[in-house]
C-alpha atoms as a PDB file:
ATOM      1  CA  MET A   1     -50.102  35.112  84.372  1.00  0.00           C
ATOM      2  CA  GLU A   2     -47.298  32.752  83.395  1.00  0.00           C
ATOM      3  CA  TRP A   3     -49.000  29.916  85.317  1.00  0.00           C
ATOM      4  CA  LYS A   4     -52.150  30.413  83.262  1.00  0.00           C
ATOM      5  CA  PHE A   5     -50.226  30.046  79.997  1.00  0.00           C
ATOM      6  CA  ASN A   6     -48.219  27.070  81.259  1.00  0.00           C
ATOM      7  CA  GLY A   7     -51.351  25.457  82.661  1.00  0.00           C
ATOM      8  CA  SER A   8     -53.008  25.620  79.264  1.00  0.00           C
ATOM      9  CA  ASN A   9     -50.173  23.477  77.876  1.00  0.00           C
ATOM     10  CA  ILE A  10     -49.375  21.102  80.731  1.00  0.00           C
ATOM     11  CA  PRO A  11     -51.045  20.475  84.115  1.00  0.00           C
ATOM     12  CA  ILE A  12     -49.696  22.750  86.832  1.00  0.00           C
ATOM     13  CA  VAL A  13     -47.733  20.965  89.525  1.00  0.00           C
ATOM     14  CA  PHE A  14     -45.873  23.098  92.054  1.00  0.00           C
ATOM     15  CA  GLU A  15     -45.026  22.365  95.662  1.00  0.00           C
ATOM     16  CA  ARG A  16     -42.376  23.608  98.075  1.00  0.00           C
ATOM     17  CA  ILE A  17     -40.371  21.009  99.965  1.00  0.00           C
ATOM     18  CA  ASN A  18     -38.761  22.083 103.240  1.00  0.00           C
ATOM     19  CA  LEU A  19     -36.590  19.706 105.251  1.00  0.00           C
ATOM     20  CA  ILE A  20     -35.306  20.858 108.638  1.00  0.00           C
ATOM     21  CA  LEU A  21     -32.394  19.361 110.572  1.00  0.00           C
ATOM     22  CA  LYS A  22     -32.370  19.802 114.357  1.00  0.00           C
ATOM     23  CA  ASP A  23     -29.787  18.815 116.926  1.00  0.00           C
ATOM     24  CA  ASP A  24     -30.581  16.796 120.070  1.00  0.00           C
ATOM     25  CA  SER A  25     -31.689  19.941 121.908  1.00  0.00           C
ATOM     26  CA  GLY A  26     -34.148  20.871 119.136  1.00  0.00           C
ATOM     27  CA  LYS A  27     -32.071  23.723 117.725  1.00  0.00           C
ATOM     28  CA  VAL A  28     -32.226  24.090 113.948  1.00  0.00           C
ATOM     29  CA  CYS A  29     -28.769  23.368 112.542  1.00  0.00           C
ATOM     30  CA  GLY A  30     -29.526  22.935 108.852  1.00  0.00           C
ATOM     31  CA  GLY A  31     -32.093  22.385 106.194  1.00  0.00           C
ATOM     32  CA  LEU A  32     -33.004  22.024 102.559  1.00  0.00           C
ATOM     33  CA  LEU A  33     -35.471  24.095 100.533  1.00  0.00           C
ATOM     34  CA  ALA A  34     -36.613  22.854  97.141  1.00  0.00           C
ATOM     35  CA  ASN A  35     -39.372  23.328  94.586  1.00  0.00           C
ATOM     36  CA  HIS A  36     -41.212  20.402  93.017  1.00  0.00           C
ATOM     37  CA  TYR A  37     -42.582  21.206  89.588  1.00  0.00           C
ATOM     38  CA  TRP A  38     -43.854  18.683  87.073  1.00  0.00           C
ATOM     39  CA  ASN A  39     -41.381  15.782  87.028  1.00  0.00           C
ATOM     40  CA  CYS A  40     -38.552  17.891  88.478  1.00  0.00           C
ATOM     41  CA  ILE A  41     -37.210  19.177  91.762  1.00  0.00           C
ATOM     42  CA  LEU A  42     -35.027  22.282  91.932  1.00  0.00           C
ATOM     43  CA  ILE A  43     -32.898  22.506  95.077  1.00  0.00           C
ATOM     44  CA  ASP A  44     -32.894  26.130  96.106  1.00  0.00           C
ATOM     45  CA  ILE A  45     -30.890  25.972  99.350  1.00  0.00           C
ATOM     46  CA  LEU A  46     -28.975  23.302 101.259  1.00  0.00           C
ATOM     47  CA  TRP A  47     -27.580  24.755 104.455  1.00  0.00           C
ATOM     48  CA  LEU A  48     -25.725  23.359 107.468  1.00  0.00           C
ATOM     49  CA  GLU A  49     -24.242  25.387 110.294  1.00  0.00           C
ATOM     50  CA  GLU A  50     -20.492  25.036 110.520  1.00  0.00           C
ATOM     51  CA  ALA A  51     -20.543  22.667 113.537  1.00  0.00           C
ATOM     52  CA  SER A  52     -22.868  20.266 111.704  1.00  0.00           C
ATOM     53  CA  ARG A  53     -20.750  19.867 108.566  1.00  0.00           C
ATOM     54  CA  LYS A  54     -18.666  16.794 107.675  1.00  0.00           C
ATOM     55  CA  GLN A  55     -20.926  14.524 109.758  1.00  0.00           C
ATOM     56  CA  GLY A  56     -23.168  13.092 107.044  1.00  0.00           C
ATOM     57  CA  PHE A  57     -26.113  15.422 107.668  1.00  0.00           C
ATOM     58  CA  GLY A  58     -25.981  16.975 104.205  1.00  0.00           C
ATOM     59  CA  LYS A  59     -26.045  13.520 102.638  1.00  0.00           C
ATOM     60  CA  LYS A  60     -28.925  12.554 104.926  1.00  0.00           C
ATOM     61  CA  LEU A  61     -30.942  15.587 103.766  1.00  0.00           C
ATOM     62  CA  MET A  62     -30.192  14.842 100.109  1.00  0.00           C
ATOM     63  CA  LEU A  63     -31.159  11.171 100.439  1.00  0.00           C
ATOM     64  CA  GLU A  64     -34.414  12.153 102.133  1.00  0.00           C
ATOM     65  CA  LEU A  65     -35.143  14.543  99.264  1.00  0.00           C
ATOM     66  CA  GLU A  66     -34.481  11.748  96.763  1.00  0.00           C
ATOM     67  CA  ARG A  67     -36.825   9.449  98.687  1.00  0.00           C
ATOM     68  CA  ILE A  68     -39.555  12.100  98.545  1.00  0.00           C
ATOM     69  CA  ALA A  69     -38.819  12.709  94.867  1.00  0.00           C
ATOM     70  CA  LYS A  70     -39.234   9.045  93.959  1.00  0.00           C
ATOM     71  CA  GLU A  71     -42.469   8.911  95.961  1.00  0.00           C
ATOM     72  CA  LYS A  72     -43.795  11.808  93.861  1.00  0.00           C
ATOM     73  CA  GLY A  73     -42.676  10.323  90.544  1.00  0.00           C
ATOM     74  CA  VAL A  74     -39.908  12.888  90.027  1.00  0.00           C
ATOM     75  CA  THR A  75     -37.328  11.880  87.417  1.00  0.00           C
ATOM     76  CA  LEU A  76     -34.880  14.814  87.652  1.00  0.00           C
ATOM     77  CA  ILE A  77     -33.346  16.829  90.488  1.00  0.00           C
ATOM     78  CA  HIS A  78     -31.244  19.877  89.641  1.00  0.00           C
ATOM     79  CA  LEU A  79     -29.391  22.650  91.451  1.00  0.00           C
ATOM     80  CA  ASP A  80     -26.658  25.226  91.149  1.00  0.00           C
ATOM     81  CA  THR A  81     -23.591  25.709  93.312  1.00  0.00           C
ATOM     82  CA  HIS A  82     -20.471  27.848  93.172  1.00  0.00           C
ATOM     83  CA  GLU A  83     -16.979  26.388  92.931  1.00  0.00           C
ATOM     84  CA  PHE A  84     -16.246  27.586  96.502  1.00  0.00           C
ATOM     85  CA  GLN A  85     -19.366  25.855  97.842  1.00  0.00           C
ATOM     86  CA  ALA A  86     -20.122  22.169  97.304  1.00  0.00           C
ATOM     87  CA  PRO A  87     -19.722  20.820  93.749  1.00  0.00           C
ATOM     88  CA  LYS A  88     -17.629  17.858  94.951  1.00  0.00           C
ATOM     89  CA  PHE A  89     -20.233  16.993  97.593  1.00  0.00           C
ATOM     90  CA  TYR A  90     -22.945  16.789  94.938  1.00  0.00           C
ATOM     91  CA  GLU A  91     -20.711  14.819  92.552  1.00  0.00           C
ATOM     92  CA  LYS A  92     -20.191  12.183  95.281  1.00  0.00           C
ATOM     93  CA  LEU A  93     -23.989  11.834  95.415  1.00  0.00           C
ATOM     94  CA  GLY A  94     -24.223  11.214  91.669  1.00  0.00           C
ATOM     95  CA  TYR A  95     -24.922  14.717  90.372  1.00  0.00           C
ATOM     96  CA  GLU A  96     -23.283  15.786  87.126  1.00  0.00           C
ATOM     97  CA  VAL A  97     -22.459  19.210  85.746  1.00  0.00           C
ATOM     98  CA  PHE A  98     -24.540  20.200  82.727  1.00  0.00           C
ATOM     99  CA  GLY A  99     -23.552  23.856  82.558  1.00  0.00           C
ATOM    100  CA  VAL A 100     -21.027  26.346  83.865  1.00  0.00           C
ATOM    101  CA  LEU A 101     -21.407  30.096  84.174  1.00  0.00           C
ATOM    102  CA  GLU A 102     -18.062  31.886  84.295  1.00  0.00           C
ATOM    103  CA  ASP A 103     -17.482  34.922  86.519  1.00  0.00           C
ATOM    104  CA  ALA A 104     -20.678  34.583  88.536  1.00  0.00           C
ATOM    105  CA  PRO A 105     -19.556  36.174  90.824  1.00  0.00           C
ATOM    106  CA  LEU A 106     -16.464  37.658  89.220  1.00  0.00           C
ATOM    107  CA  GLY A 107     -13.550  35.250  89.394  1.00  0.00           C
ATOM    108  CA  TYR A 108     -15.653  32.184  90.260  1.00  0.00           C
ATOM    109  CA  LYS A 109     -17.594  29.540  88.397  1.00  0.00           C
ATOM    110  CA  ARG A 110     -21.228  28.656  89.024  1.00  0.00           C
ATOM    111  CA  PHE A 111     -22.039  25.028  88.279  1.00  0.00           C
ATOM    112  CA  TYR A 112     -25.455  23.778  87.183  1.00  0.00           C
ATOM    113  CA  MET A 113     -25.879  20.157  88.182  1.00  0.00           C
ATOM    114  CA  LYS A 114     -28.462  17.410  87.745  1.00  0.00           C
ATOM    115  CA  LYS A 115     -29.282  13.890  88.761  1.00  0.00           C
ATOM    116  CA  GLU A 116     -31.691  11.672  86.902  1.00  0.00           C
ATOM    117  CA  LEU A 117     -33.620   9.285  89.137  1.00  0.00           C
END
């Protein structure tokens, strides 16, 4: 029902973006799931198995998402991450914090980040 209301005000644009990272043997070792809506992309999940971290694969996935975003005319990518996850990784890629939720989960901060393209 919400789509019907939104669609009466602005054209509906919604598409899932799934990027998969495989090693040389074809085993899945990471990926990125995102939702494209209007001029925005929301990153839902960026995941790399432990052995694939710190090798540039996360950056490669993010740069591929940005390439796709620009191709689609997207002007904003946003996400959330906890302080024990990857806020510094995203900051290095040009993302900035626009909101912080305290104690989510208890004792930790949840950062809401964005990057304008």
